Amino acid sequence: MNSAPTSVNPEAKRFRVRLLVAMMLVVAGLTGAGLYLAERNAFVLTERDLQRDFQAELATLHGVQGMRQAALSER
């Protein structure tokens, strides 16, 4: 058996290199877009959680102040 590589047409080599580069660019672009969207989604979720926590703390503070005012009014 002859396992020597056959000579490849230079035009075919160029095509393969261009195809490989194009595929790498597409994969890199899709990966970048996916990372951007994941980071943006994480930021939005974190901001929403912080806002919800802040509103809950504020509501608790207003409730405590209302109870304190009611207790002072009774005296």
PDB file of N, CA and C in Angstrom:
ATOM      1  N   MET A   1       0.834  -1.185   0.000  1.00  0.00           N
ATOM      2  CA  MET A   1       0.000   0.000   0.000  1.00  0.00           C
ATOM      3  C   MET A   1       0.873   1.240   0.000  1.00  0.00           C
ATOM      4  N   ASN A   2       0.431   2.181  -0.714  1.00  0.00           N
ATOM      5  CA  ASN A   2       1.169   3.433  -0.819  1.00  0.00           C
ATOM      6  C   ASN A   2       0.481   4.460   0.075  1.00  0.00           C
ATOM      7  N   SER A   3       1.134   4.873   1.161  1.00  0.00           N
ATOM      8  CA  SER A   3       0.531   5.824   2.087  1.00  0.00           C
ATOM      9  C   SER A   3       1.082   7.227   1.893  1.00  0.00           C
ATOM     10  N   ALA A   4       1.806   7.434   0.802  1.00  0.00           N
ATOM     11  CA  ALA A   4       2.353   8.763   0.525  1.00  0.00           C
ATOM     12  C   ALA A   4       1.211   9.711   0.186  1.00  0.00           C
ATOM     13  N   PRO A   5       1.241  10.930   0.744  1.00  0.00           N
ATOM     14  CA  PRO A   5       0.161  11.876   0.454  1.00  0.00           C
ATOM     15  C   PRO A   5       0.192  12.291  -1.013  1.00  0.00           C
ATOM     16  N   THR A   6      -0.989  12.427  -1.543  1.00  0.00           N
ATOM     17  CA  THR A   6      -1.078  12.885  -2.931  1.00  0.00           C
ATOM     18  C   THR A   6      -0.958  14.398  -2.941  1.00  0.00           C
ATOM     19  N   SER A   7      -0.424  14.925  -4.004  1.00  0.00           N
ATOM     20  CA  SER A   7      -0.266  16.378  -4.077  1.00  0.00           C
ATOM     21  C   SER A   7      -1.639  17.015  -4.249  1.00  0.00           C
ATOM     22  N   VAL A   8      -1.870  18.080  -3.512  1.00  0.00           N
ATOM     23  CA  VAL A   8      -3.156  18.769  -3.527  1.00  0.00           C
ATOM     24  C   VAL A   8      -3.013  20.031  -4.370  1.00  0.00           C
ATOM     25  N   ASN A   9      -3.996  20.264  -5.141  1.00  0.00           N
ATOM     26  CA  ASN A   9      -4.049  21.437  -6.001  1.00  0.00           C
ATOM     27  C   ASN A   9      -3.912  22.694  -5.138  1.00  0.00           C
ATOM     28  N   PRO A  10      -3.052  23.654  -5.509  1.00  0.00           N
ATOM     29  CA  PRO A  10      -2.907  24.885  -4.713  1.00  0.00           C
ATOM     30  C   PRO A  10      -4.224  25.652  -4.579  1.00  0.00           C
ATOM     31  N   GLU A  11      -5.046  25.564  -5.598  1.00  0.00           N
ATOM     32  CA  GLU A  11      -6.354  26.231  -5.537  1.00  0.00           C
ATOM     33  C   GLU A  11      -7.216  25.589  -4.444  1.00  0.00           C
ATOM     34  N   ALA A  12      -7.148  24.278  -4.317  1.00  0.00           N
ATOM     35  CA  ALA A  12      -7.912  23.570  -3.290  1.00  0.00           C
ATOM     36  C   ALA A  12      -7.378  23.914  -1.903  1.00  0.00           C
ATOM     37  N   LYS A  13      -6.058  24.046  -1.776  1.00  0.00           N
ATOM     38  CA  LYS A  13      -5.479  24.443  -0.477  1.00  0.00           C
ATOM     39  C   LYS A  13      -5.975  25.818  -0.062  1.00  0.00           C
ATOM     40  N   ARG A  14      -5.966  26.746  -1.004  1.00  0.00           N
ATOM     41  CA  ARG A  14      -6.448  28.103  -0.704  1.00  0.00           C
ATOM     42  C   ARG A  14      -7.909  28.087  -0.289  1.00  0.00           C
ATOM     43  N   PHE A  15      -8.724  27.287  -1.000  1.00  0.00           N
ATOM     44  CA  PHE A  15     -10.136  27.182  -0.658  1.00  0.00           C
ATOM     45  C   PHE A  15     -10.317  26.639   0.758  1.00  0.00           C
ATOM     46  N   ARG A  16      -9.556  25.611   1.100  1.00  0.00           N
ATOM     47  CA  ARG A  16      -9.660  25.022   2.433  1.00  0.00           C
ATOM     48  C   ARG A  16      -9.255  26.019   3.515  1.00  0.00           C
ATOM     49  N   VAL A  17      -8.204  26.782   3.255  1.00  0.00           N
ATOM     50  CA  VAL A  17      -7.767  27.785   4.233  1.00  0.00           C
ATOM     51  C   VAL A  17      -8.835  28.854   4.397  1.00  0.00           C
ATOM     52  N   ARG A  18      -9.376  29.320   3.281  1.00  0.00           N
ATOM     53  CA  ARG A  18     -10.433  30.347   3.356  1.00  0.00           C
ATOM     54  C   ARG A  18     -11.665  29.810   4.075  1.00  0.00           C
ATOM     55  N   LEU A  19     -12.023  28.560   3.776  1.00  0.00           N
ATOM     56  CA  LEU A  19     -13.173  27.951   4.443  1.00  0.00           C
ATOM     57  C   LEU A  19     -12.937  27.841   5.939  1.00  0.00           C
ATOM     58  N   LEU A  20     -11.737  27.413   6.323  1.00  0.00           N
ATOM     59  CA  LEU A  20     -11.402  27.296   7.737  1.00  0.00           C
ATOM     60  C   LEU A  20     -11.452  28.655   8.435  1.00  0.00           C
ATOM     61  N   VAL A  21     -10.903  29.684   7.800  1.00  0.00           N
ATOM     62  CA  VAL A  21     -10.928  31.032   8.386  1.00  0.00           C
ATOM     63  C   VAL A  21     -12.363  31.531   8.508  1.00  0.00           C
ATOM     64  N   ALA A  22     -13.170  31.301   7.472  1.00  0.00           N
ATOM     65  CA  ALA A  22     -14.570  31.742   7.519  1.00  0.00           C
ATOM     66  C   ALA A  22     -15.321  31.029   8.642  1.00  0.00           C
ATOM     67  N   MET A  23     -15.084  29.731   8.793  1.00  0.00           N
ATOM     68  CA  MET A  23     -15.751  28.986   9.861  1.00  0.00           C
ATOM     69  C   MET A  23     -15.305  29.485  11.230  1.00  0.00           C
ATOM     70  N   MET A  24     -14.022  29.788  11.368  1.00  0.00           N
ATOM     71  CA  MET A  24     -13.524  30.300  12.646  1.00  0.00           C
ATOM     72  C   MET A  24     -14.154  31.648  12.963  1.00  0.00           C
ATOM     73  N   LEU A  25     -14.302  32.502  11.949  1.00  0.00           N
ATOM     74  CA  LEU A  25     -14.915  33.817  12.180  1.00  0.00           C
ATOM     75  C   LEU A  25     -16.382  33.672  12.579  1.00  0.00           C
ATOM     76  N   VAL A  26     -17.095  32.757  11.941  1.00  0.00           N
ATOM     77  CA  VAL A  26     -18.507  32.547  12.275  1.00  0.00           C
ATOM     78  C   VAL A  26     -18.630  32.022  13.706  1.00  0.00           C
ATOM     79  N   VAL A  27     -17.806  31.047  14.070  1.00  0.00           N
ATOM     80  CA  VAL A  27     -17.863  30.487  15.424  1.00  0.00           C
ATOM     81  C   VAL A  27     -17.490  31.550  16.452  1.00  0.00           C
ATOM     82  N   ALA A  28     -16.456  32.345  16.165  1.00  0.00           N
ATOM     83  CA  ALA A  28     -16.051  33.402  17.097  1.00  0.00           C
ATOM     84  C   ALA A  28     -17.154  34.454  17.239  1.00  0.00           C
ATOM     85  N   GLY A  29     -17.791  34.805  16.131  1.00  0.00           N
ATOM     86  CA  GLY A  29     -18.881  35.784  16.183  1.00  0.00           C
ATOM     87  C   GLY A  29     -20.058  35.282  16.992  1.00  0.00           C
ATOM     88  N   LEU A  30     -20.445  34.045  16.742  1.00  0.00           N
ATOM     89  CA  LEU A  30     -21.574  33.482  17.498  1.00  0.00           C
ATOM     90  C   LEU A  30     -21.247  33.340  18.979  1.00  0.00           C
ATOM     91  N   THR A  31     -20.019  32.956  19.278  1.00  0.00           N
ATOM     92  CA  THR A  31     -19.605  32.837  20.681  1.00  0.00           C
ATOM     93  C   THR A  31     -19.625  34.207  21.351  1.00  0.00           C
ATOM     94  N   GLY A  32     -19.100  35.207  20.665  1.00  0.00           N
ATOM     95  CA  GLY A  32     -19.104  36.564  21.216  1.00  0.00           C
ATOM     96  C   GLY A  32     -20.517  37.073  21.453  1.00  0.00           C
ATOM     97  N   ALA A  33     -21.396  36.839  20.487  1.00  0.00           N
ATOM     98  CA  ALA A  33     -22.789  37.280  20.641  1.00  0.00           C
ATOM     99  C   ALA A  33     -23.458  36.552  21.804  1.00  0.00           C
ATOM    100  N   GLY A  34     -23.185  35.267  21.933  1.00  0.00           N
ATOM    101  CA  GLY A  34     -23.761  34.502  23.046  1.00  0.00           C
ATOM    102  C   GLY A  34     -23.273  35.002  24.391  1.00  0.00           C
ATOM    103  N   LEU A  35     -21.992  35.287  24.485  1.00  0.00           N
ATOM    104  CA  LEU A  35     -21.441  35.806  25.744  1.00  0.00           C
ATOM    105  C   LEU A  35     -22.016  37.181  26.068  1.00  0.00           C
ATOM    106  N   TYR A  36     -22.145  38.034  25.049  1.00  0.00           N
ATOM    107  CA  TYR A  36     -22.716  39.363  25.269  1.00  0.00           C
ATOM    108  C   TYR A  36     -24.144  39.259  25.793  1.00  0.00           C
ATOM    109  N   LEU A  37     -24.947  38.411  25.151  1.00  0.00           N
ATOM    110  CA  LEU A  37     -26.340  38.271  25.584  1.00  0.00           C
ATOM    111  C   LEU A  37     -26.440  37.664  26.980  1.00  0.00           C
ATOM    112  N   ALA A  38     -25.585  36.705  27.286  1.00  0.00           N
ATOM    113  CA  ALA A  38     -25.604  36.100  28.622  1.00  0.00           C
ATOM    114  C   ALA A  38     -25.214  37.119  29.686  1.00  0.00           C
ATOM    115  N   GLU A  39     -24.205  37.941  29.393  1.00  0.00           N
ATOM    116  CA  GLU A  39     -23.778  38.960  30.354  1.00  0.00           C
ATOM    117  C   GLU A  39     -24.872  40.006  30.554  1.00  0.00           C
ATOM    118  N   ARG A  40     -25.501  40.424  29.459  1.00  0.00           N
ATOM    119  CA  ARG A  40     -26.577  41.410  29.553  1.00  0.00           C
ATOM    120  C   ARG A  40     -27.757  40.859  30.351  1.00  0.00           C
ATOM    121  N   ASN A  41     -28.090  39.599  30.110  1.00  0.00           N
ATOM    122  CA  ASN A  41     -29.183  38.966  30.836  1.00  0.00           C
ATOM    123  C   ASN A  41     -28.862  38.881  32.328  1.00  0.00           C
ATOM    124  N   ALA A  42     -27.626  38.503  32.657  1.00  0.00           N
ATOM    125  CA  ALA A  42     -27.222  38.427  34.064  1.00  0.00           C
ATOM    126  C   ALA A  42     -27.299  39.803  34.717  1.00  0.00           C
ATOM    127  N   PHE A  43     -26.880  40.850  34.001  1.00  0.00           N
ATOM    128  CA  PHE A  43     -26.938  42.207  34.540  1.00  0.00           C
ATOM    129  C   PHE A  43     -28.379  42.619  34.814  1.00  0.00           C
ATOM    130  N   VAL A  44     -29.266  42.346  33.869  1.00  0.00           N
ATOM    131  CA  VAL A  44     -30.678  42.725  34.034  1.00  0.00           C
ATOM    132  C   VAL A  44     -31.296  41.980  35.211  1.00  0.00           C
ATOM    133  N   LEU A  45     -31.009  40.685  35.325  1.00  0.00           N
ATOM    134  CA  LEU A  45     -31.566  39.904  36.440  1.00  0.00           C
ATOM    135  C   LEU A  45     -31.038  40.390  37.784  1.00  0.00           C
ATOM    136  N   THR A  46     -29.749  40.698  37.840  1.00  0.00           N
ATOM    137  CA  THR A  46     -29.156  41.192  39.086  1.00  0.00           C
ATOM    138  C   THR A  46     -29.752  42.538  39.466  1.00  0.00           C
ATOM    139  N   GLU A  47     -29.896  43.413  38.475  1.00  0.00           N
ATOM    140  CA  GLU A  47     -30.475  44.738  38.750  1.00  0.00           C
ATOM    141  C   GLU A  47     -31.915  44.609  39.249  1.00  0.00           C
ATOM    142  N   ARG A  48     -32.677  43.694  38.636  1.00  0.00           N
ATOM    143  CA  ARG A  48     -34.065  43.488  39.056  1.00  0.00           C
ATOM    144  C   ARG A  48     -34.122  42.936  40.481  1.00  0.00           C
ATOM    145  N   ASP A  49     -33.249  41.998  40.808  1.00  0.00           N
ATOM    146  CA  ASP A  49     -33.213  41.441  42.165  1.00  0.00           C
ATOM    147  C   ASP A  49     -32.847  42.509  43.190  1.00  0.00           C
ATOM    148  N   LEU A  50     -31.868  43.340  42.874  1.00  0.00           N
ATOM    149  CA  LEU A  50     -31.475  44.411  43.803  1.00  0.00           C
ATOM    150  C   LEU A  50     -32.610  45.412  43.996  1.00  0.00           C
ATOM    151  N   GLN A  51     -33.303  45.750  42.916  1.00  0.00           N
ATOM    152  CA  GLN A  51     -34.431  46.687  43.008  1.00  0.00           C
ATOM    153  C   GLN A  51     -35.542  46.088  43.865  1.00  0.00           C
ATOM    154  N   ARG A  52     -35.839  44.788  43.678  1.00  0.00           N
ATOM    155  CA  ARG A  52     -36.879  44.126  44.468  1.00  0.00           C
ATOM    156  C   ARG A  52     -36.499  44.095  45.950  1.00  0.00           C
ATOM    157  N   ASP A  53     -35.219  43.780  46.229  1.00  0.00           N
ATOM    158  CA  ASP A  53     -34.759  43.756  47.616  1.00  0.00           C
ATOM    159  C   ASP A  53     -34.851  45.143  48.254  1.00  0.00           C
ATOM    160  N   PHE A  54     -34.475  46.164  47.475  1.00  0.00           N
ATOM    161  CA  PHE A  54     -34.552  47.527  47.989  1.00  0.00           C
ATOM    162  C   PHE A  54     -35.992  47.910  48.305  1.00  0.00           C
ATOM    163  N   GLN A  55     -36.912  47.572  47.397  1.00  0.00           N
ATOM    164  CA  GLN A  55     -38.327  47.908  47.622  1.00  0.00           C
ATOM    165  C   GLN A  55     -38.868  47.170  48.852  1.00  0.00           C
ATOM    166  N   ALA A  56     -38.440  45.934  49.047  1.00  0.00           N
ATOM    167  CA  ALA A  56     -38.893  45.176  50.225  1.00  0.00           C
ATOM    168  C   ALA A  56     -38.359  45.807  51.506  1.00  0.00           C
ATOM    169  N   GLU A  57     -37.094  46.209  51.503  1.00  0.00           N
ATOM    170  CA  GLU A  57     -36.516  46.867  52.685  1.00  0.00           C
ATOM    171  C   GLU A  57     -37.210  48.197  52.956  1.00  0.00           C
ATOM    172  N   LEU A  58     -37.512  48.928  51.906  1.00  0.00           N
ATOM    173  CA  LEU A  58     -38.186  50.219  52.061  1.00  0.00           C
ATOM    174  C   LEU A  58     -39.599  50.028  52.628  1.00  0.00           C
ATOM    175  N   ALA A  59     -40.296  49.013  52.129  1.00  0.00           N
ATOM    176  CA  ALA A  59     -41.641  48.728  52.646  1.00  0.00           C
ATOM    177  C   ALA A  59     -41.573  48.326  54.118  1.00  0.00           C
ATOM    178  N   THR A  60     -40.579  47.537  54.480  1.00  0.00           N
ATOM    179  CA  THR A  60     -40.404  47.155  55.883  1.00  0.00           C
ATOM    180  C   THR A  60     -40.133  48.375  56.747  1.00  0.00           C
ATOM    181  N   LEU A  61     -39.276  49.266  56.276  1.00  0.00           N
ATOM    182  CA  LEU A  61     -38.966  50.492  57.017  1.00  0.00           C
ATOM    183  C   LEU A  61     -40.213  51.348  57.197  1.00  0.00           C
ATOM    184  N   HIS A  62     -41.010  51.484  56.141  1.00  0.00           N
ATOM    185  CA  HIS A  62     -42.242  52.271  56.265  1.00  0.00           C
ATOM    186  C   HIS A  62     -43.209  51.618  57.245  1.00  0.00           C
ATOM    187  N   GLY A  63     -43.265  50.294  57.241  1.00  0.00           N
ATOM    188  CA  GLY A  63     -44.134  49.582  58.194  1.00  0.00           C
ATOM    189  C   GLY A  63     -43.689  49.813  59.619  1.00  0.00           C
ATOM    190  N   VAL A  64     -42.398  49.757  59.876  1.00  0.00           N
ATOM    191  CA  VAL A  64     -41.864  49.991  61.220  1.00  0.00           C
ATOM    192  C   VAL A  64     -42.126  51.429  61.640  1.00  0.00           C
ATOM    193  N   GLN A  65     -41.930  52.363  60.737  1.00  0.00           N
ATOM    194  CA  GLN A  65     -42.191  53.768  61.062  1.00  0.00           C
ATOM    195  C   GLN A  65     -43.668  53.995  61.371  1.00  0.00           C
ATOM    196  N   GLY A  66     -44.539  53.325  60.608  1.00  0.00           N
ATOM    197  CA  GLY A  66     -45.981  53.443  60.869  1.00  0.00           C
ATOM    198  C   GLY A  66     -46.344  52.893  62.228  1.00  0.00           C
ATOM    199  N   MET A  67     -45.759  51.758  62.599  1.00  0.00           N
ATOM    200  CA  MET A  67     -46.021  51.176  63.921  1.00  0.00           C
ATOM    201  C   MET A  67     -45.491  52.097  65.017  1.00  0.00           C
ATOM    202  N   ARG A  68     -44.344  52.686  64.777  1.00  0.00           N
ATOM    203  CA  ARG A  68     -43.769  53.603  65.775  1.00  0.00           C
ATOM    204  C   ARG A  68     -44.643  54.851  65.938  1.00  0.00           C
ATOM    205  N   GLN A  69     -45.130  55.375  64.827  1.00  0.00           N
ATOM    206  CA  GLN A  69     -46.025  56.532  64.889  1.00  0.00           C
ATOM    207  C   GLN A  69     -47.325  56.187  65.627  1.00  0.00           C
ATOM    208  N   ALA A  70     -47.841  54.974  65.358  1.00  0.00           N
ATOM    209  CA  ALA A  70     -49.078  54.557  66.044  1.00  0.00           C
ATOM    210  C   ALA A  70     -48.834  54.421  67.536  1.00  0.00           C
ATOM    211  N   ALA A  71     -47.684  53.886  67.921  1.00  0.00           N
ATOM    212  CA  ALA A  71     -47.371  53.729  69.340  1.00  0.00           C
ATOM    213  C   ALA A  71     -47.193  55.088  70.003  1.00  0.00           C
ATOM    214  N   LEU A  72     -46.563  56.023  69.303  1.00  0.00           N
ATOM    215  CA  LEU A  72     -46.383  57.359  69.873  1.00  0.00           C
ATOM    216  C   LEU A  72     -47.713  58.091  69.975  1.00  0.00           C
ATOM    217  N   SER A  73     -48.616  57.838  69.009  1.00  0.00           N
ATOM    218  CA  SER A  73     -49.919  58.498  69.046  1.00  0.00           C
ATOM    219  C   SER A  73     -50.753  58.003  70.213  1.00  0.00           C
ATOM    220  N   GLU A  74     -50.603  56.759  70.564  1.00  0.00           N
ATOM    221  CA  GLU A  74     -51.377  56.199  71.670  1.00  0.00           C
ATOM    222  C   GLU A  74     -50.937  56.774  73.010  1.00  0.00           C
ATOM    223  N   ARG A  75     -49.726  57.180  73.127  1.00  0.00           N
ATOM    224  CA  ARG A  75     -49.217  57.706  74.398  1.00  0.00           C
ATOM    225  C   ARG A  75     -49.716  59.078  74.584  1.00  0.00           C
TER     226      ARG A  75
END
